[in-house]
Amino acid sequence: MITLFAGLLASADASAEGRWVHPLCKPLATEKNGPFVELNDGSLLTVGKEGSSVSADDGATWSSPQPTHSGVKSDHVGNTGPILRTRNNAVIIVYLDFDTYKWKWDDAAGAPAGPDSCKLELWTIRSLDGGKTWVDRQRLLGEYNADFMGFIQTRSGRIVVTVEHLVSDPWRWVVCSFISDDDGKTWTRSNWIDLGGHGHHDGAVEPAVGELSDGRLLMLIRTSLDRFWEAYSDDGGRHWRTIRPSSLDASSSPGYLLRLRSGRLVLAWNRLNPEGGTCKRSPAPSPASELPISWHREELSLAFSEDDGKTWTKPIVIAREKGGQLAYPYIFERRAGELWLFTRYTWSKGKAAPPLRVRLSEEEFLKEAGKDRR
């Protein structure tokens, strides 16, 4: 989550074992970490704190950046996929505005340190000329918001973004969606999803979203409850009325969910425990959560579903950083079945480390997973 993990990460138990990456993963020839959209001519566009840039050679080289807005820092650690190109060629950014950012938390009180001491507003802006100029800037949520993992266009053409928001009494996170039926010109908010909790990392956190084969939407929500919770929308993200624990165990870390061109769902995430082991939990209650939490982020796993998330292939560990963190994954399907995968929060020996940037084949990993199901 934006900025809030600094103290937790600094205390990581460092190891000299280095990073292991699954042999089916191939390195990517780009120094950008996403997020990306593909433009009409096949080139890639990305947005960062310097502005928007375009690459015509799969990210090997990039054009000089064009300004977006000073508050946009989509290349900030943790920030995963807030860019979308619609079928009508509008490029939309939903972003956290760092121009007005404030964070000061009172651990003893379990609350912000004072009025207006925590602020990170959620805004959106769009381009109608491939990222050259930007219009229709508007605020979606005030006060404090943080990272989000879901931003899609459904088959109907609706734009859906799933986000989190900090609320009080007690202080915790809740999530919702915003929808747009006019390529991001106007937006409508859904109902809130509130799972309770108390702490600056407790509640319903950092939701991902995907469209299912029957048109319903699936939201996967990070929690402190040892697993993702899932929510379903029957009306394109306007309301979420089925909310329940999922079958997917997870540490207190977000996952990235994507519907592939094949129709399968793919999920990258940090599981509850290391493969073949058990993770030590943090003490509780704490400023982070009411409950003891698994912060396991040494391993990043991948699984696929062919039945809209009812069952999943056997999770495969694709990378391991013993004593470090490989977290906040981002997946981009560059071509059908060719997946680019990145980590947007990467630490080793208590210090920031180079992100994981790999290319992998959907079919090769399906063969690796075999017929095993969760």
Protein backbone atom coordinates (compact mmCIF):
# COMPACT_ATOMS: atom_id res chain seq x y z
CA MET A 1 0.00 0.00 0.00
CA ILE A 2 1.20 3.49 -0.82
CA THR A 3 3.97 4.60 1.57
CA LEU A 4 2.49 2.88 4.61
CA PHE A 5 4.75 -0.19 4.50
CA ALA A 6 8.03 1.69 5.01
CA GLY A 7 8.47 0.70 8.64
CA LEU A 8 7.39 -2.88 8.07
CA LEU A 9 9.71 -3.36 5.11
CA ALA A 10 12.73 -1.90 6.85
CA SER A 11 12.56 -4.66 9.45
CA ALA A 12 12.68 -7.48 6.92
CA ASP A 13 14.90 -10.41 7.89
CA ALA A 14 17.58 -10.13 5.21
CA SER A 15 19.14 -13.14 3.54
CA ALA A 16 22.06 -13.60 1.17
CA GLU A 17 20.41 -16.41 -0.79
CA GLY A 18 19.40 -14.13 -3.64
CA ARG A 19 16.43 -14.30 -5.97
CA TRP A 20 15.18 -17.47 -7.64
CA VAL A 21 13.02 -17.17 -10.76
CA HIS A 22 11.15 -20.05 -12.37
CA PRO A 23 13.01 -21.27 -15.48
CA LEU A 24 9.90 -20.83 -17.66
CA CYS A 25 10.09 -17.07 -17.00
CA LYS A 26 12.20 -15.08 -19.46
CA PRO A 27 13.68 -11.63 -18.82
CA LEU A 28 12.04 -8.57 -20.39
CA ALA A 29 14.07 -6.02 -22.32
CA THR A 30 12.50 -2.97 -20.69
CA GLU A 31 13.38 -0.70 -17.82
CA LYS A 32 9.78 0.40 -17.35
CA ASN A 33 7.63 -1.30 -14.76
CA GLY A 34 4.25 -0.48 -16.26
CA PRO A 35 1.40 0.11 -16.28
CA PHE A 36 0.99 -0.19 -20.05
CA VAL A 37 -1.73 0.15 -22.66
CA GLU A 38 -1.50 -0.79 -26.33
CA LEU A 39 -2.29 1.96 -28.83
CA ASN A 40 -3.91 1.54 -32.24
CA ASP A 41 -0.59 1.08 -34.05
CA GLY A 42 0.60 -1.61 -31.63
CA SER A 43 2.95 0.66 -29.71
CA LEU A 44 2.87 0.83 -25.92
CA LEU A 45 2.01 3.81 -23.76
CA THR A 46 2.99 4.13 -20.11
CA VAL A 47 2.51 6.91 -17.58
CA GLY A 48 4.83 7.94 -14.73
CA LYS A 49 5.73 10.97 -12.69
CA GLU A 50 7.47 12.54 -15.72
CA GLY A 51 4.41 12.10 -17.94
CA SER A 52 3.33 9.70 -20.70
CA SER A 53 5.79 7.94 -23.01
CA VAL A 54 5.41 5.65 -26.02
CA SER A 55 7.51 2.68 -27.18
CA ALA A 56 7.44 1.10 -30.64
CA ASP A 57 9.91 -1.71 -29.76
CA ASP A 58 8.29 -3.62 -26.88
CA GLY A 59 9.62 -1.26 -24.23
CA ALA A 60 13.30 -1.29 -25.21
CA THR A 61 13.25 2.48 -25.90
CA TRP A 62 10.74 5.20 -25.03
CA SER A 63 9.82 8.62 -26.37
CA SER A 64 10.35 11.77 -24.37
CA PRO A 65 7.56 12.11 -21.80
CA GLN A 66 4.56 14.32 -22.45
CA PRO A 67 3.02 16.04 -19.39
CA THR A 68 -0.16 14.60 -17.83
CA HIS A 69 -0.77 16.20 -14.43
CA SER A 70 1.76 16.96 -11.69
CA GLY A 71 -0.04 14.73 -9.17
CA VAL A 72 0.20 11.60 -11.35
CA LYS A 73 2.91 9.21 -10.15
CA SER A 74 1.76 5.93 -11.64
CA ASP A 75 5.31 4.55 -11.45
CA HIS A 76 5.30 4.94 -7.65
CA VAL A 77 6.01 1.67 -5.81
CA GLY A 78 2.82 -0.26 -5.17
CA ASN A 79 0.77 1.53 -7.82
CA THR A 80 -0.15 -1.14 -10.36
CA GLY A 81 -2.57 -0.56 -13.21
CA PRO A 82 -4.45 2.74 -13.30
CA ILE A 83 -4.38 3.20 -17.12
CA LEU A 84 -6.92 1.98 -19.64
CA ARG A 85 -7.46 2.49 -23.38
CA THR A 86 -11.09 2.08 -24.32
CA ARG A 87 -12.42 0.59 -27.53
CA ASN A 88 -13.20 4.15 -28.63
CA ASN A 89 -9.50 5.05 -28.14
CA ALA A 90 -9.89 7.20 -25.04
CA VAL A 91 -6.96 6.74 -22.65
CA ILE A 92 -8.09 7.04 -19.03
CA ILE A 93 -5.92 7.40 -15.93
CA VAL A 94 -7.33 6.91 -12.44
CA TYR A 95 -4.69 8.05 -9.99
CA LEU A 96 -3.77 9.06 -6.46
CA ASP A 97 -2.89 12.77 -6.43
CA PHE A 98 0.51 13.15 -4.78
CA ASP A 99 0.37 16.94 -5.02
CA THR A 100 -1.74 16.99 -1.84
CA TYR A 101 -0.35 13.87 -0.15
CA LYS A 102 -0.13 13.77 3.67
CA TRP A 103 0.36 10.83 6.02
CA LYS A 104 0.76 11.10 9.79
CA TRP A 105 -0.70 8.28 11.87
CA ASP A 106 -1.04 8.04 15.66
CA ASP A 107 -0.27 4.41 16.52
CA ALA A 108 -1.50 4.72 20.11
CA ALA A 109 -4.86 6.14 19.07
CA GLY A 110 -5.21 3.91 16.01
CA ALA A 111 -6.18 6.95 13.98
CA PRO A 112 -4.79 9.83 11.94
CA ALA A 113 -2.65 12.15 14.07
CA GLY A 114 -5.05 15.05 13.61
CA PRO A 115 -7.54 16.72 11.27
CA ASP A 116 -6.33 16.69 7.67
CA SER A 117 -3.17 14.77 8.66
CA CYS A 118 -3.89 11.95 6.18
CA LYS A 119 -4.77 12.93 2.63
CA LEU A 120 -4.39 11.20 -0.73
CA GLU A 121 -7.23 12.01 -3.08
CA LEU A 122 -8.44 9.85 -5.97
CA TRP A 123 -8.75 11.62 -9.33
CA THR A 124 -9.23 10.74 -12.97
CA ILE A 125 -8.15 12.36 -16.24
CA ARG A 126 -8.41 11.24 -19.86
CA SER A 127 -6.85 11.75 -23.28
CA LEU A 128 -8.63 11.64 -26.63
CA ASP A 129 -5.47 11.89 -28.76
CA GLY A 130 -3.32 8.98 -27.61
CA GLY A 131 -1.78 10.68 -24.58
CA LYS A 132 -0.72 13.96 -26.18
CA THR A 133 -3.20 16.14 -24.24
CA TRP A 134 -5.44 15.50 -21.23
CA VAL A 135 -8.95 16.70 -20.39
CA ASP A 136 -11.89 16.21 -18.00
CA ARG A 137 -9.86 16.04 -14.79
CA GLN A 138 -12.18 15.32 -11.85
CA ARG A 139 -12.03 14.04 -8.27
CA LEU A 140 -13.63 10.69 -7.50
CA LEU A 141 -12.86 10.47 -3.76
CA GLY A 142 -11.46 12.95 -1.27
CA GLU A 143 -9.68 12.33 2.07
CA TYR A 144 -7.34 9.28 2.04
CA ASN A 145 -7.25 6.47 -0.51
CA ALA A 146 -4.52 4.03 -1.47
CA ASP A 147 -3.52 1.49 -4.10
CA PHE A 148 -6.02 -0.40 -6.23
CA MET A 149 -5.61 -3.35 -8.57
CA GLY A 150 -8.67 -3.37 -10.85
CA PHE A 151 -9.40 -1.25 -13.93
CA ILE A 152 -11.24 -2.86 -16.85
CA GLN A 153 -13.64 -2.29 -19.74
CA THR A 154 -16.42 -4.85 -19.86
CA ARG A 155 -17.91 -6.40 -22.97
CA SER A 156 -20.75 -3.87 -22.78
CA GLY A 157 -18.25 -1.01 -23.01
CA ARG A 158 -18.60 0.05 -19.36
CA ILE A 159 -15.47 1.17 -17.53
CA VAL A 160 -15.06 -0.25 -14.03
CA VAL A 161 -12.40 0.65 -11.49
CA THR A 162 -12.27 -0.90 -7.99
CA VAL A 163 -10.71 1.22 -5.24
CA GLU A 164 -10.20 1.45 -1.47
CA HIS A 165 -10.98 4.27 0.96
CA LEU A 166 -10.04 4.97 4.60
CA VAL A 167 -12.99 5.43 6.99
CA SER A 168 -13.38 6.05 10.74
CA ASP A 169 -15.08 4.65 13.88
CA PRO A 170 -12.87 2.63 13.97
CA TRP A 171 -10.33 3.53 11.29
CA ARG A 172 -10.17 0.84 8.63
CA TRP A 173 -10.40 0.32 4.87
CA VAL A 174 -13.52 -0.19 2.76
CA VAL A 175 -13.78 -0.76 -0.99
CA CYS A 176 -16.13 0.15 -3.82
CA SER A 177 -16.22 0.52 -7.58
CA PHE A 178 -16.73 3.47 -9.88
CA ILE A 179 -18.37 2.95 -13.26
CA SER A 180 -18.50 5.03 -16.43
CA ASP A 181 -20.58 4.47 -19.56
CA ASP A 182 -19.13 7.40 -21.52
CA ASP A 183 -15.41 6.56 -21.72
CA GLY A 184 -14.54 8.18 -18.39
CA LYS A 185 -16.32 11.52 -18.85
CA THR A 186 -18.71 10.90 -15.93
CA TRP A 187 -18.64 8.38 -13.08
CA THR A 188 -21.03 6.70 -10.60
CA ARG A 189 -19.98 5.07 -7.31
CA SER A 190 -21.22 1.67 -6.11
CA ASN A 191 -22.13 0.66 -2.56
CA TRP A 192 -19.31 0.29 -0.03
CA ILE A 193 -18.00 -3.15 0.94
CA ASP A 194 -17.09 -3.11 4.65
CA LEU A 195 -15.52 -6.15 6.37
CA GLY A 196 -14.85 -4.42 9.69
CA GLY A 197 -11.46 -4.34 11.40
CA HIS A 198 -9.32 -1.62 12.95
CA GLY A 199 -5.89 -0.49 11.82
CA HIS A 200 -4.02 1.17 9.01
CA HIS A 201 -3.83 -2.18 7.16
CA ASP A 202 -7.12 -3.72 8.29
CA GLY A 203 -10.50 -4.11 6.64
CA ALA A 204 -11.29 -4.53 2.94
CA VAL A 205 -8.18 -3.52 1.03
CA GLU A 206 -6.79 -3.13 -2.53
CA PRO A 207 -9.44 -4.85 -4.65
CA ALA A 208 -8.82 -6.52 -8.02
CA VAL A 209 -11.58 -7.14 -10.57
CA GLY A 210 -12.32 -9.33 -13.58
CA GLU A 211 -15.31 -9.96 -15.85
CA LEU A 212 -16.74 -13.48 -15.91
CA SER A 213 -18.05 -15.38 -18.92
CA ASP A 214 -21.69 -14.70 -17.97
CA GLY A 215 -21.10 -10.94 -17.66
CA ARG A 216 -20.92 -10.81 -13.87
CA LEU A 217 -17.95 -9.12 -12.23
CA LEU A 218 -15.68 -10.73 -9.64
CA MET A 219 -13.81 -8.63 -7.10
CA LEU A 220 -10.94 -10.18 -5.08
CA ILE A 221 -10.27 -8.20 -1.90
CA ARG A 222 -7.14 -8.23 0.22
CA THR A 223 -7.88 -8.83 3.93
CA SER A 224 -6.21 -9.67 7.25
CA LEU A 225 -8.32 -12.84 7.40
CA ASP A 226 -5.86 -15.34 5.82
CA ARG A 227 -7.56 -15.28 2.42
CA PHE A 228 -9.03 -13.10 -0.26
CA TRP A 229 -12.68 -12.25 0.10
CA GLU A 230 -14.73 -12.24 -3.07
CA ALA A 231 -17.60 -10.03 -4.14
CA TYR A 232 -19.87 -10.41 -7.17
CA SER A 233 -21.81 -7.84 -9.16
CA ASP A 234 -24.75 -8.79 -11.40
CA ASP A 235 -25.16 -5.28 -12.81
CA GLY A 236 -21.74 -4.32 -14.15
CA GLY A 237 -20.24 -2.98 -10.92
CA ARG A 238 -23.14 -0.73 -9.86
CA HIS A 239 -23.87 -2.91 -6.81
CA TRP A 240 -22.02 -5.70 -4.98
CA ARG A 241 -24.45 -7.93 -3.10
CA THR A 242 -22.73 -11.32 -2.85
CA ILE A 243 -19.74 -10.94 -0.51
CA ARG A 244 -17.99 -13.94 1.06
CA PRO A 245 -14.63 -15.59 1.82
CA SER A 246 -12.93 -17.05 -1.26
CA SER A 247 -11.14 -20.39 -1.51
CA LEU A 248 -7.80 -18.60 -2.12
CA ASP A 249 -5.49 -18.38 0.88
CA ALA A 250 -3.44 -15.16 0.89
CA SER A 251 -1.15 -13.17 3.12
CA SER A 252 -1.93 -9.51 3.80
CA SER A 253 -0.96 -8.55 0.25
CA PRO A 254 -2.88 -7.71 -2.91
CA GLY A 255 -3.33 -9.97 -5.90
CA TYR A 256 -3.58 -9.07 -9.58
CA LEU A 257 -6.49 -10.62 -11.48
CA LEU A 258 -6.76 -10.54 -15.28
CA ARG A 259 -9.12 -12.10 -17.80
CA LEU A 260 -6.98 -13.30 -20.68
CA ARG A 261 -7.84 -13.39 -24.37
CA SER A 262 -8.21 -17.16 -24.03
CA GLY A 263 -11.09 -16.58 -21.60
CA ARG A 264 -9.17 -17.91 -18.62
CA LEU A 265 -8.56 -15.92 -15.46
CA VAL A 266 -5.00 -15.57 -14.21
CA LEU A 267 -4.05 -14.52 -10.69
CA ALA A 268 -0.65 -13.53 -9.29
CA TRP A 269 -0.40 -13.20 -5.51
CA ASN A 270 1.49 -13.88 -2.27
CA ARG A 271 0.07 -16.95 -0.56
CA LEU A 272 -0.59 -17.23 3.17
CA ASN A 273 2.46 -19.39 3.85
CA PRO A 274 5.69 -20.25 2.05
CA GLU A 275 5.60 -23.42 -0.02
CA GLY A 276 5.96 -26.35 2.38
CA GLY A 277 6.20 -24.12 5.45
CA THR A 278 4.46 -21.77 7.85
CA CYS A 279 4.90 -18.03 8.11
CA LYS A 280 5.41 -16.29 11.44
CA ARG A 281 2.56 -13.90 12.16
CA SER A 282 2.78 -10.38 13.48
CA PRO A 283 1.54 -9.79 17.06
CA ALA A 284 -1.97 -8.42 17.52
CA PRO A 285 -3.66 -6.16 18.16
CA SER A 286 -1.28 -3.72 16.50
CA PRO A 287 -1.49 -0.35 14.73
CA ALA A 288 -1.85 -2.38 11.50
CA SER A 289 -4.64 -4.77 12.46
CA GLU A 290 -6.85 -6.22 15.16
CA LEU A 291 -5.71 -9.72 14.19
CA PRO A 292 -2.31 -11.44 13.83
CA ILE A 293 -1.32 -11.20 10.17
CA SER A 294 0.83 -13.19 7.76
CA TRP A 295 3.08 -10.74 5.90
CA HIS A 296 4.53 -13.53 3.72
CA ARG A 297 5.86 -11.92 0.53
CA GLU A 298 8.99 -13.94 -0.16
CA GLU A 299 7.21 -15.95 -2.86
CA LEU A 300 5.03 -14.87 -5.76
CA SER A 301 2.62 -17.50 -7.08
CA LEU A 302 0.56 -17.88 -10.24
CA ALA A 303 -2.66 -19.81 -10.93
CA PHE A 304 -5.25 -20.02 -13.72
CA SER A 305 -8.99 -20.68 -13.74
CA GLU A 306 -11.05 -22.02 -16.65
CA ASP A 307 -14.40 -21.85 -14.81
CA ASP A 308 -14.67 -18.21 -13.71
CA GLY A 309 -12.79 -18.70 -10.46
CA LYS A 310 -14.73 -21.68 -9.11
CA THR A 311 -11.53 -23.75 -9.25
CA TRP A 312 -7.89 -22.87 -9.87
CA THR A 313 -4.88 -24.72 -11.17
CA LYS A 314 -2.24 -25.71 -8.67
CA PRO A 315 -0.39 -22.52 -7.64
CA ILE A 316 3.14 -22.33 -9.05
CA VAL A 317 5.82 -20.27 -7.31
CA ILE A 318 7.30 -18.17 -10.11
CA ALA A 319 9.84 -16.22 -8.02
CA ARG A 320 11.32 -16.32 -4.53
CA GLU A 321 13.32 -13.69 -2.61
CA LYS A 322 14.32 -15.32 0.69
CA GLY A 323 14.12 -12.72 3.43
CA GLY A 324 12.81 -10.14 0.96
CA GLN A 325 9.54 -9.14 -0.69
CA LEU A 326 8.12 -9.76 -4.16
CA ALA A 327 4.75 -8.04 -3.90
CA TYR A 328 2.15 -5.92 -5.67
CA PRO A 329 2.21 -7.88 -8.93
CA TYR A 330 1.08 -6.42 -12.23
CA ILE A 331 0.24 -8.50 -15.34
CA PHE A 332 0.01 -7.20 -18.91
CA GLU A 333 -1.01 -9.49 -21.79
CA ARG A 334 1.21 -8.14 -24.54
CA ARG A 335 0.01 -10.65 -27.12
CA ALA A 336 -2.43 -13.55 -26.87
CA GLY A 337 -0.92 -15.94 -24.30
CA GLU A 338 2.24 -13.82 -23.80
CA LEU A 339 2.15 -12.40 -20.30
CA TRP A 340 4.43 -9.72 -18.91
CA LEU A 341 4.64 -9.85 -15.13
CA PHE A 342 6.15 -7.28 -12.77
CA THR A 343 6.41 -6.71 -9.05
CA ARG A 344 5.73 -3.14 -8.01
CA TYR A 345 6.96 -3.56 -4.42
CA THR A 346 10.31 -5.37 -4.29
CA TRP A 347 12.71 -5.53 -1.36
CA SER A 348 15.84 -7.48 -0.42
CA LYS A 349 17.97 -7.22 2.70
CA GLY A 350 15.71 -4.46 3.99
CA LYS A 351 16.33 -2.22 0.96
CA ALA A 352 14.52 -1.54 -2.29
CA ALA A 353 15.56 -4.06 -4.96
CA PRO A 354 15.12 -4.29 -8.75
CA PRO A 355 11.57 -5.36 -9.61
CA LEU A 356 10.76 -8.69 -11.14
CA ARG A 357 10.24 -8.14 -14.88
CA VAL A 358 9.56 -11.37 -16.76
CA ARG A 359 7.77 -12.73 -19.81
CA LEU A 360 5.95 -16.04 -19.59
CA SER A 361 3.73 -18.26 -21.69
CA GLU A 362 0.17 -19.01 -20.59
CA GLU A 363 0.28 -22.45 -22.25
CA GLU A 364 3.65 -23.42 -20.77
CA PHE A 365 2.50 -22.61 -17.25
CA LEU A 366 -0.79 -24.43 -17.77
CA LYS A 367 1.20 -27.54 -18.70
CA GLU A 368 3.39 -27.02 -15.65
CA ALA A 369 0.34 -26.80 -13.39
CA GLY A 370 -1.07 -30.00 -14.89
CA LYS A 371 -4.57 -31.14 -14.10
CA ASP A 372 -4.42 -30.42 -10.35
CA ARG A 373 -7.18 -28.21 -9.03
CA ARG A 374 -7.63 -26.32 -5.77
